C-alpha atoms as a PDB file:
ATOM      1  CA  UNK A   1      -7.401  17.180 -13.207  1.00  0.00           C
ATOM      2  CA  UNK A   2      -7.151  13.394 -12.979  1.00  0.00           C
ATOM      3  CA  UNK A   3      -4.165  11.715 -11.290  1.00  0.00           C
ATOM      4  CA  UNK A   4      -3.714   7.929 -11.191  1.00  0.00           C
ATOM      5  CA  UNK A   5      -1.713   5.729  -8.812  1.00  0.00           C
ATOM      6  CA  UNK A   6      -1.269   1.972  -9.269  1.00  0.00           C
ATOM      7  CA  UNK A   7      -0.944   0.017  -6.017  1.00  0.00           C
ATOM      8  CA  UNK A   8       0.826  -3.359  -6.058  1.00  0.00           C
ATOM      9  CA  UNK A   9       1.527  -5.428  -2.982  1.00  0.00           C
ATOM     10  CA  UNK A  10       2.927  -8.808  -1.965  1.00  0.00           C
ATOM     11  CA  UNK A  11       4.625  -9.790  -5.215  1.00  0.00           C
ATOM     12  CA  UNK A  12       6.560 -12.574  -3.455  1.00  0.00           C
ATOM     13  CA  UNK A  13       9.205 -12.885  -6.166  1.00  0.00           C
ATOM     14  CA  UNK A  14      10.803 -16.296  -5.940  1.00  0.00           C
ATOM     15  CA  UNK A  15       7.686 -18.170  -4.820  1.00  0.00           C
ATOM     16  CA  UNK A  16       6.677 -19.104  -8.374  1.00  0.00           C
ATOM     17  CA  UNK A  17       4.520 -17.824 -11.240  1.00  0.00           C
ATOM     18  CA  UNK A  18       6.401 -14.552 -11.562  1.00  0.00           C
ATOM     19  CA  UNK A  19       5.599 -14.486 -15.296  1.00  0.00           C
ATOM     20  CA  UNK A  20       1.983 -13.561 -14.606  1.00  0.00           C
ATOM     21  CA  UNK A  21       3.141 -10.489 -12.694  1.00  0.00           C
ATOM     22  CA  UNK A  22       5.571  -9.477 -15.415  1.00  0.00           C
ATOM     23  CA  UNK A  23       3.142  -9.969 -18.294  1.00  0.00           C
ATOM     24  CA  UNK A  24      -0.002  -8.649 -16.645  1.00  0.00           C
ATOM     25  CA  UNK A  25       1.123  -5.449 -14.953  1.00  0.00           C
ATOM     26  CA  UNK A  26       2.565  -3.639 -18.008  1.00  0.00           C
ATOM     27  CA  UNK A  27      -0.820  -3.926 -19.737  1.00  0.00           C
ATOM     28  CA  UNK A  28      -2.428  -1.820 -17.008  1.00  0.00           C
ATOM     29  CA  UNK A  29       0.484   0.630 -17.033  1.00  0.00           C
ATOM     30  CA  UNK A  30       0.012   1.151 -20.759  1.00  0.00           C
ATOM     31  CA  UNK A  31      -3.753   1.538 -20.427  1.00  0.00           C
ATOM     32  CA  UNK A  32      -3.927   3.932 -17.469  1.00  0.00           C
ATOM     33  CA  UNK A  33      -0.521   5.670 -17.498  1.00  0.00           C
ATOM     34  CA  UNK A  34      -0.344   6.205 -13.720  1.00  0.00           C
ATOM     35  CA  UNK A  35       1.829   8.970 -12.357  1.00  0.00           C
ATOM     36  CA  UNK A  36       3.195   6.671  -9.640  1.00  0.00           C
ATOM     37  CA  UNK A  37       3.428   2.980  -8.812  1.00  0.00           C
ATOM     38  CA  UNK A  38       3.278   2.054  -5.118  1.00  0.00           C
ATOM     39  CA  UNK A  39       4.666  -1.304  -3.964  1.00  0.00           C
ATOM     40  CA  UNK A  40       3.637  -1.901  -0.343  1.00  0.00           C
ATOM     41  CA  UNK A  41       6.031  -4.646   0.682  1.00  0.00           C
ATOM     42  CA  UNK A  42       6.746  -8.369   0.368  1.00  0.00           C
ATOM     43  CA  UNK A  43       8.407  -7.776  -2.975  1.00  0.00           C
ATOM     44  CA  UNK A  44      10.385 -10.985  -2.415  1.00  0.00           C
ATOM     45  CA  UNK A  45       9.486 -14.305  -0.857  1.00  0.00           C
ATOM     46  CA  UNK A  46      12.446 -14.911   1.449  1.00  0.00           C
ATOM     47  CA  UNK A  47      14.377 -11.637   1.385  1.00  0.00           C
ATOM     48  CA  UNK A  48      17.166 -13.165  -0.722  1.00  0.00           C
ATOM     49  CA  UNK A  49      19.450 -11.002  -2.797  1.00  0.00           C
ATOM     50  CA  UNK A  50      18.394 -12.548  -6.114  1.00  0.00           C
ATOM     51  CA  UNK A  51      14.676 -12.305  -5.307  1.00  0.00           C
ATOM     52  CA  UNK A  52      14.875  -8.648  -4.285  1.00  0.00           C
ATOM     53  CA  UNK A  53      16.994  -7.892  -7.354  1.00  0.00           C
ATOM     54  CA  UNK A  54      14.436  -9.502  -9.694  1.00  0.00           C
ATOM     55  CA  UNK A  55      11.593  -7.571  -8.077  1.00  0.00           C
ATOM     56  CA  UNK A  56      13.585  -4.349  -8.369  1.00  0.00           C
ATOM     57  CA  UNK A  57      14.367  -4.930 -12.060  1.00  0.00           C
ATOM     58  CA  UNK A  58      10.706  -5.585 -12.776  1.00  0.00           C
ATOM     59  CA  UNK A  59       9.401  -2.524 -10.931  1.00  0.00           C
ATOM     60  CA  UNK A  60      12.072  -0.174 -12.243  1.00  0.00           C
ATOM     61  CA  UNK A  61      11.401  -1.492 -15.756  1.00  0.00           C
ATOM     62  CA  UNK A  62       7.793  -0.276 -15.722  1.00  0.00           C
ATOM     63  CA  UNK A  63       8.887   3.170 -16.923  1.00  0.00           C
ATOM     64  CA  UNK A  64       7.132   4.993 -14.092  1.00  0.00           C
ATOM     65  CA  UNK A  65       8.295   6.363 -10.730  1.00  0.00           C
ATOM     66  CA  UNK A  66       8.046   3.660  -8.040  1.00  0.00           C
ATOM     67  CA  UNK A  67       7.732   4.077  -4.287  1.00  0.00           C
ATOM     68  CA  UNK A  68       8.494   0.828  -2.449  1.00  0.00           C
ATOM     69  CA  UNK A  69       8.497  -0.081   1.246  1.00  0.00           C
ATOM     70  CA  UNK A  70       9.623  -3.393   2.773  1.00  0.00           C
ATOM     71  CA  UNK A  71       7.390  -6.192   4.006  1.00  0.00           C
ATOM     72  CA  UNK A  72       8.127  -8.911   6.525  1.00  0.00           C
ATOM     73  CA  UNK A  73       9.236 -11.214   3.679  1.00  0.00           C
ATOM     74  CA  UNK A  74      11.822  -8.680   2.466  1.00  0.00           C
ATOM     75  CA  UNK A  75      14.246  -9.325   5.303  1.00  0.00           C
ATOM     76  CA  UNK A  76      16.407 -12.467   5.663  1.00  0.00           C
ATOM     77  CA  UNK A  77      14.470 -15.550   6.684  1.00  0.00           C
ATOM     78  CA  UNK A  78      17.305 -17.151   8.643  1.00  0.00           C
ATOM     79  CA  UNK A  79      19.209 -16.294  11.844  1.00  0.00           C
ATOM     80  CA  UNK A  80      21.414 -14.303  12.454  1.00  0.00           C
ATOM     81  CA  UNK A  81      21.076 -12.286   9.218  1.00  0.00           C
ATOM     82  CA  UNK A  82      17.458 -11.474  10.022  1.00  0.00           C
ATOM     83  CA  UNK A  83      18.663  -9.383  12.975  1.00  0.00           C
ATOM     84  CA  UNK A  84      22.230  -8.363  12.088  1.00  0.00           C
ATOM     85  CA  UNK A  85      21.499  -6.820   8.656  1.00  0.00           C
ATOM     86  CA  UNK A  86      17.733  -6.889   8.334  1.00  0.00           C
ATOM     87  CA  UNK A  87      17.317  -4.328   5.543  1.00  0.00           C
ATOM     88  CA  UNK A  88      20.718  -4.410   3.842  1.00  0.00           C
ATOM     89  CA  UNK A  89      19.546  -6.089   0.644  1.00  0.00           C
ATOM     90  CA  UNK A  90      16.352  -4.038   0.445  1.00  0.00           C
ATOM     91  CA  UNK A  91      18.301  -0.805   0.833  1.00  0.00           C
ATOM     92  CA  UNK A  92      20.808  -1.983  -1.759  1.00  0.00           C
ATOM     93  CA  UNK A  93      17.960  -1.989  -4.280  1.00  0.00           C
ATOM     94  CA  UNK A  94      15.876   0.944  -3.011  1.00  0.00           C
ATOM     95  CA  UNK A  95      18.318   3.079  -0.972  1.00  0.00           C
ATOM     96  CA  UNK A  96      15.859   3.619   1.890  1.00  0.00           C
ATOM     97  CA  UNK A  97      13.027   1.841   3.696  1.00  0.00           C
ATOM     98  CA  UNK A  98      11.082   5.096   4.134  1.00  0.00           C
ATOM     99  CA  UNK A  99      10.982   6.911   0.774  1.00  0.00           C
ATOM    100  CA  UNK A 100       9.097  10.061  -0.210  1.00  0.00           C
ATOM    101  CA  UNK A 101       7.621  10.990  -3.579  1.00  0.00           C
ATOM    102  CA  UNK A 102       6.426  14.521  -4.213  1.00  0.00           C
ATOM    103  CA  UNK A 103       4.906  16.324  -7.195  1.00  0.00           C
ATOM    104  CA  UNK A 104       2.398  19.170  -7.619  1.00  0.00           C
ATOM    105  CA  UNK A 105      -0.436  16.600  -7.495  1.00  0.00           C
ATOM    106  CA  UNK A 106       0.864  13.868  -5.122  1.00  0.00           C
ATOM    107  CA  UNK A 107       2.799  13.729  -1.876  1.00  0.00           C
ATOM    108  CA  UNK A 108       3.547  10.154  -0.779  1.00  0.00           C
ATOM    109  CA  UNK A 109       5.325   9.092   2.410  1.00  0.00           C
ATOM    110  CA  UNK A 110       6.584   5.546   2.988  1.00  0.00           C
ATOM    111  CA  UNK A 111       6.834   3.977   6.459  1.00  0.00           C
ATOM    112  CA  UNK A 112       8.729   0.856   7.477  1.00  0.00           C
ATOM    113  CA  UNK A 113       6.397  -1.259   9.634  1.00  0.00           C
ATOM    114  CA  UNK A 114       8.612  -4.389   9.628  1.00  0.00           C
ATOM    115  CA  UNK A 115      10.043  -5.603  12.933  1.00  0.00           C
ATOM    116  CA  UNK A 116      12.574  -8.467  12.595  1.00  0.00           C
ATOM    117  CA  UNK A 117      11.551 -10.083  15.891  1.00  0.00           C
ATOM    118  CA  UNK A 118       7.914 -10.264  14.773  1.00  0.00           C
ATOM    119  CA  UNK A 119       7.268 -12.763  12.018  1.00  0.00           C
ATOM    120  CA  UNK A 120       3.842 -11.460  10.997  1.00  0.00           C
ATOM    121  CA  UNK A 121       2.787  -8.407  13.007  1.00  0.00           C
ATOM    122  CA  UNK A 122       4.382  -5.009  12.510  1.00  0.00           C
ATOM    123  CA  UNK A 123       4.713  -1.697  14.273  1.00  0.00           C
ATOM    124  CA  UNK A 124       5.410   1.991  13.788  1.00  0.00           C
ATOM    125  CA  UNK A 125       7.475   3.736  16.434  1.00  0.00           C
ATOM    126  CA  UNK A 126       6.501   7.090  17.905  1.00  0.00           C
ATOM    127  CA  UNK A 127       9.591   8.684  16.373  1.00  0.00           C
ATOM    128  CA  UNK A 128       8.598   7.362  12.949  1.00  0.00           C
ATOM    129  CA  UNK A 129       5.146   8.875  13.295  1.00  0.00           C
ATOM    130  CA  UNK A 130       6.632  12.221  14.319  1.00  0.00           C
ATOM    131  CA  UNK A 131       8.898  12.204  11.258  1.00  0.00           C
ATOM    132  CA  UNK A 132       5.972  11.177   9.045  1.00  0.00           C
ATOM    133  CA  UNK A 133       3.917  14.125  10.295  1.00  0.00           C
ATOM    134  CA  UNK A 134       6.772  16.476   9.456  1.00  0.00           C
ATOM    135  CA  UNK A 135       7.160  14.937   6.006  1.00  0.00           C
ATOM    136  CA  UNK A 136       3.428  15.267   5.370  1.00  0.00           C
ATOM    137  CA  UNK A 137       3.564  18.942   6.317  1.00  0.00           C
ATOM    138  CA  UNK A 138       6.075  19.442   3.505  1.00  0.00           C
ATOM    139  CA  UNK A 139       3.500  18.614   0.839  1.00  0.00           C
ATOM    140  CA  UNK A 140       2.880  21.114  -1.982  1.00  0.00           C
ATOM    141  CA  UNK A 141      -0.352  23.059  -1.536  1.00  0.00           C
ATOM    142  CA  UNK A 142      -3.299  21.057  -2.831  1.00  0.00           C
ATOM    143  CA  UNK A 143      -1.367  17.818  -3.297  1.00  0.00           C
ATOM    144  CA  UNK A 144      -3.164  14.577  -2.433  1.00  0.00           C
ATOM    145  CA  UNK A 145      -1.326  13.000   0.509  1.00  0.00           C
ATOM    146  CA  UNK A 146      -0.723   9.256   0.751  1.00  0.00           C
ATOM    147  CA  UNK A 147       1.014   7.171   3.420  1.00  0.00           C
ATOM    148  CA  UNK A 148       2.282   3.681   2.564  1.00  0.00           C
ATOM    149  CA  UNK A 149       3.221   0.839   4.911  1.00  0.00           C
ATOM    150  CA  UNK A 150       3.111  -2.934   4.664  1.00  0.00           C
ATOM    151  CA  UNK A 151       1.011  -4.005   7.636  1.00  0.00           C
ATOM    152  CA  UNK A 152      -2.716  -3.419   7.468  1.00  0.00           C
ATOM    153  CA  UNK A 153      -4.821  -1.044   9.563  1.00  0.00           C
ATOM    154  CA  UNK A 154      -8.184  -2.630   8.785  1.00  0.00           C
ATOM    155  CA  UNK A 155      -9.062  -6.305   8.954  1.00  0.00           C
ATOM    156  CA  UNK A 156      -9.427  -8.843   6.188  1.00  0.00           C
ATOM    157  CA  UNK A 157     -12.939  -9.406   4.812  1.00  0.00           C
ATOM    158  CA  UNK A 158     -12.351 -13.154   4.972  1.00  0.00           C
ATOM    159  CA  UNK A 159     -10.527 -15.267   7.500  1.00  0.00           C
ATOM    160  CA  UNK A 160      -7.010 -14.230   8.426  1.00  0.00           C
ATOM    161  CA  UNK A 161      -4.939 -14.682  11.583  1.00  0.00           C
ATOM    162  CA  UNK A 162      -2.676 -11.785  10.684  1.00  0.00           C
ATOM    163  CA  UNK A 163      -2.887  -8.995  13.227  1.00  0.00           C
ATOM    164  CA  UNK A 164      -3.032  -5.355  12.107  1.00  0.00           C
ATOM    165  CA  UNK A 165      -0.174  -2.977  12.776  1.00  0.00           C
ATOM    166  CA  UNK A 166       0.409  -2.489  16.509  1.00  0.00           C
ATOM    167  CA  UNK A 167      -1.371   0.479  18.152  1.00  0.00           C
ATOM    168  CA  UNK A 168      -3.372   0.998  14.992  1.00  0.00           C
ATOM    169  CA  UNK A 169      -5.701   3.593  16.555  1.00  0.00           C
ATOM    170  CA  UNK A 170      -2.679   5.639  17.573  1.00  0.00           C
ATOM    171  CA  UNK A 171      -1.035   5.164  14.168  1.00  0.00           C
ATOM    172  CA  UNK A 172      -4.188   6.142  12.299  1.00  0.00           C
ATOM    173  CA  UNK A 173      -4.756   9.169  14.526  1.00  0.00           C
ATOM    174  CA  UNK A 174      -1.226  10.453  14.034  1.00  0.00           C
ATOM    175  CA  UNK A 175      -1.360  10.037  10.246  1.00  0.00           C
ATOM    176  CA  UNK A 176      -4.745  11.739  10.069  1.00  0.00           C
ATOM    177  CA  UNK A 177      -3.432  14.610  12.205  1.00  0.00           C
ATOM    178  CA  UNK A 178      -0.493  14.883   9.828  1.00  0.00           C
ATOM    179  CA  UNK A 179      -2.810  15.377   6.869  1.00  0.00           C
ATOM    180  CA  UNK A 180      -3.003  11.955   5.195  1.00  0.00           C
ATOM    181  CA  UNK A 181      -5.837  11.564   2.684  1.00  0.00           C
ATOM    182  CA  UNK A 182      -5.181   7.900   1.874  1.00  0.00           C
ATOM    183  CA  UNK A 183      -3.333   5.149   3.771  1.00  0.00           C
ATOM    184  CA  UNK A 184      -2.148   2.120   1.790  1.00  0.00           C
ATOM    185  CA  UNK A 185      -0.968  -1.318   2.909  1.00  0.00           C
ATOM    186  CA  UNK A 186      -0.995  -4.999   1.976  1.00  0.00           C
ATOM    187  CA  UNK A 187       0.124  -8.087   3.937  1.00  0.00           C
ATOM    188  CA  UNK A 188      -3.224  -9.944   4.154  1.00  0.00           C
ATOM    189  CA  UNK A 189      -3.563 -10.871   0.441  1.00  0.00           C
ATOM    190  CA  UNK A 190      -7.146  -9.632   0.465  1.00  0.00           C
ATOM    191  CA  UNK A 191      -8.652  -6.344  -0.666  1.00  0.00           C
ATOM    192  CA  UNK A 192     -10.215  -4.167   2.027  1.00  0.00           C
ATOM    193  CA  UNK A 193     -11.241  -0.522   1.673  1.00  0.00           C
ATOM    194  CA  UNK A 194     -12.958   1.785   4.155  1.00  0.00           C
ATOM    195  CA  UNK A 195     -13.413   5.504   4.800  1.00  0.00           C
ATOM    196  CA  UNK A 196     -12.912   6.600   8.413  1.00  0.00           C
ATOM    197  CA  UNK A 197     -16.571   7.593   8.825  1.00  0.00           C
ATOM    198  CA  UNK A 198     -17.479   3.969   8.129  1.00  0.00           C
ATOM    199  CA  UNK A 199     -15.772   2.826  11.329  1.00  0.00           C
ATOM    200  CA  UNK A 200     -15.670   5.989  13.478  1.00  0.00           C
ATOM    201  CA  UNK A 201     -18.624   7.994  14.810  1.00  0.00           C
ATOM    202  CA  UNK A 202     -19.071  11.042  12.612  1.00  0.00           C
ATOM    203  CA  UNK A 203     -19.711  14.511  14.026  1.00  0.00           C
ATOM    204  CA  UNK A 204     -19.838  16.156  10.618  1.00  0.00           C
ATOM    205  CA  UNK A 205     -16.521  17.981  10.401  1.00  0.00           C
ATOM    206  CA  UNK A 206     -13.979  15.174   9.985  1.00  0.00           C
ATOM    207  CA  UNK A 207     -11.436  15.185   7.181  1.00  0.00           C
ATOM    208  CA  UNK A 208     -12.068  12.298   4.822  1.00  0.00           C
ATOM    209  CA  UNK A 209      -9.393   9.590   5.132  1.00  0.00           C
ATOM    210  CA  UNK A 210      -9.518   6.309   3.235  1.00  0.00           C
ATOM    211  CA  UNK A 211      -7.680   3.158   4.329  1.00  0.00           C
ATOM    212  CA  UNK A 212      -6.999   0.761   1.463  1.00  0.00           C
ATOM    213  CA  UNK A 213      -5.451  -2.725   1.493  1.00  0.00           C
ATOM    214  CA  UNK A 214      -4.472  -4.121  -1.883  1.00  0.00           C
ATOM    215  CA  UNK A 215      -4.881  -7.821  -2.666  1.00  0.00           C
ATOM    216  CA  UNK A 216      -1.609  -9.683  -3.181  1.00  0.00           C
ATOM    217  CA  UNK A 217      -0.244  -9.747  -6.714  1.00  0.00           C
ATOM    218  CA  UNK A 218       1.938 -12.791  -6.118  1.00  0.00           C
ATOM    219  CA  UNK A 219       0.588 -16.179  -5.119  1.00  0.00           C
ATOM    220  CA  UNK A 220       3.000 -17.942  -2.760  1.00  0.00           C
ATOM    221  CA  UNK A 221       0.314 -20.374  -1.570  1.00  0.00           C
ATOM    222  CA  UNK A 222      -1.867 -21.124  -4.619  1.00  0.00           C
ATOM    223  CA  UNK A 223      -3.990 -23.740  -2.828  1.00  0.00           C
ATOM    224  CA  UNK A 224      -4.896 -21.538   0.137  1.00  0.00           C
ATOM    225  CA  UNK A 225      -8.486 -20.317   0.082  1.00  0.00           C
ATOM    226  CA  UNK A 226      -9.289 -16.714   0.946  1.00  0.00           C
ATOM    227  CA  UNK A 227      -6.305 -15.080  -0.771  1.00  0.00           C
ATOM    228  CA  UNK A 228      -7.051 -12.850  -3.740  1.00  0.00           C
ATOM    229  CA  UNK A 229      -4.704 -12.000  -6.588  1.00  0.00           C
ATOM    230  CA  UNK A 230      -4.947  -8.503  -7.951  1.00  0.00           C
ATOM    231  CA  UNK A 231      -4.192  -4.816  -7.394  1.00  0.00           C
ATOM    232  CA  UNK A 232      -5.764  -1.394  -6.880  1.00  0.00           C
ATOM    233  CA  UNK A 233      -5.962   1.609  -9.173  1.00  0.00           C
ATOM    234  CA  UNK A 234      -6.598   5.007  -7.567  1.00  0.00           C
ATOM    235  CA  UNK A 235      -8.066   7.843  -9.620  1.00  0.00           C
ATOM    236  CA  UNK A 236      -7.785  11.172  -7.821  1.00  0.00           C
ATOM    237  CA  UNK A 237      -9.872  14.152  -8.874  1.00  0.00           C
ATOM    238  CA  UNK A 238     -10.489  17.523  -7.254  1.00  0.00           C
ATOM    239  CA  UNK A 239     -13.480  16.346  -5.194  1.00  0.00           C
ATOM    240  CA  UNK A 240     -13.344  12.562  -5.371  1.00  0.00           C
ATOM    241  CA  UNK A 241     -11.155   9.511  -4.937  1.00  0.00           C
ATOM    242  CA  UNK A 242     -12.137   6.479  -6.992  1.00  0.00           C
ATOM    243  CA  UNK A 243     -10.710   3.037  -6.180  1.00  0.00           C
ATOM    244  CA  UNK A 244     -10.875   0.200  -8.697  1.00  0.00           C
ATOM    245  CA  UNK A 245      -9.968  -3.374  -7.798  1.00  0.00           C
ATOM    246  CA  UNK A 246      -8.613  -5.531 -10.598  1.00  0.00           C
ATOM    247  CA  UNK A 247      -8.187  -9.287 -10.221  1.00  0.00           C
ATOM    248  CA  UNK A 248      -5.835 -11.451 -12.272  1.00  0.00           C
ATOM    249  CA  UNK A 249      -7.583 -14.234 -14.221  1.00  0.00           C
ATOM    250  CA  UNK A 250      -4.591 -16.159 -15.587  1.00  0.00           C
ATOM    251  CA  UNK A 251      -4.648 -14.411 -18.986  1.00  0.00           C
ATOM    252  CA  UNK A 252      -6.355 -11.062 -18.326  1.00  0.00           C
ATOM    253  CA  UNK A 253      -7.522  -8.547 -15.747  1.00  0.00           C
ATOM    254  CA  UNK A 254     -11.079  -8.301 -14.485  1.00  0.00           C
ATOM    255  CA  UNK A 255     -12.500  -5.157 -12.875  1.00  0.00           C
ATOM    256  CA  UNK A 256     -14.334  -6.591  -9.881  1.00  0.00           C
ATOM    257  CA  UNK A 257     -15.137  -3.537  -7.748  1.00  0.00           C
ATOM    258  CA  UNK A 258     -15.234   0.243  -7.863  1.00  0.00           C
ATOM    259  CA  UNK A 259     -15.800   2.646  -4.990  1.00  0.00           C
ATOM    260  CA  UNK A 260     -15.912   6.447  -4.836  1.00  0.00           C
ATOM    261  CA  UNK A 261     -15.042   8.567  -1.798  1.00  0.00           C
ATOM    262  CA  UNK A 262     -15.220  12.302  -1.097  1.00  0.00           C
ATOM    263  CA  UNK A 263     -12.184  14.499  -0.606  1.00  0.00           C
ATOM    264  CA  UNK A 264     -12.230  17.052   2.187  1.00  0.00           C
ATOM    265  CA  UNK A 265     -14.810  17.329   4.953  1.00  0.00           C
ATOM    266  CA  UNK A 266     -18.058  16.911   3.065  1.00  0.00           C
ATOM    267  CA  UNK A 267     -19.769  13.610   2.285  1.00  0.00           C
ATOM    268  CA  UNK A 268     -20.693  12.567  -1.242  1.00  0.00           C
ATOM    269  CA  UNK A 269     -24.262  13.672  -0.566  1.00  0.00           C
ATOM    270  CA  UNK A 270     -26.536  14.405   2.385  1.00  0.00           C
ATOM    271  CA  UNK A 271     -30.184  13.804   3.232  1.00  0.00           C
ATOM    272  CA  UNK A 272     -31.990  16.265   5.446  1.00  0.00           C
ATOM    273  CA  UNK A 273     -34.476  14.931   8.029  1.00  0.00           C
ATOM    274  CA  UNK A 274     -35.850  18.374   8.960  1.00  0.00           C
END
């Protein structure tokens, strides 16, 4: 059975060129018919009520379930609102900053990594991780488990001064222990994908876990080099996870990369040296 998830991030509504987002994304929805759309933060540019409302109307208008978490741009930009009612407007549109989506095929847990006193870096508290582990344990048998946050766990392939989520080894370890198969984020406006055995020493019995950072869909700084514009499509089968990266080319989408990862504890293939 094939299940698809479309992963958008960093729309930055209000920064300009929103038409490209609104015209381009429905074409992929119609083509692939994903079960779920994930929006991993920075839906707005300055956390303003009108910007968050426009982003919400767009995402809810895609005729698919949407799971959205906040990014650092989705809270007020100015003092004191940034600290006194950080998530009021986001919650007005989405009800919660840590949603859950569950079906027989998918179990998706959202985490709020935004900290108002940190402009760029984010964090996940120990209590949040404990709750996430409990929520992951509630997954239907056999469901593919996904965790979504805004701040990245793996670095950008090109230059970026943005730091990953605080205590990322601890965060990753807790989510893996909870049963996560795939961890999604954004924030760096660059695509980055890696399976845990690509950055951890393998002893042969580890559960496969993929960390995936979607490129930004919005373009708040069009002249800045090293910031992609695109999204990820995940195709989940019984034994494999396939990730396709699509980039926006002003009038159409271009498939620029495709990677396949194993599910479970086995690798895609093995080579004996005996």
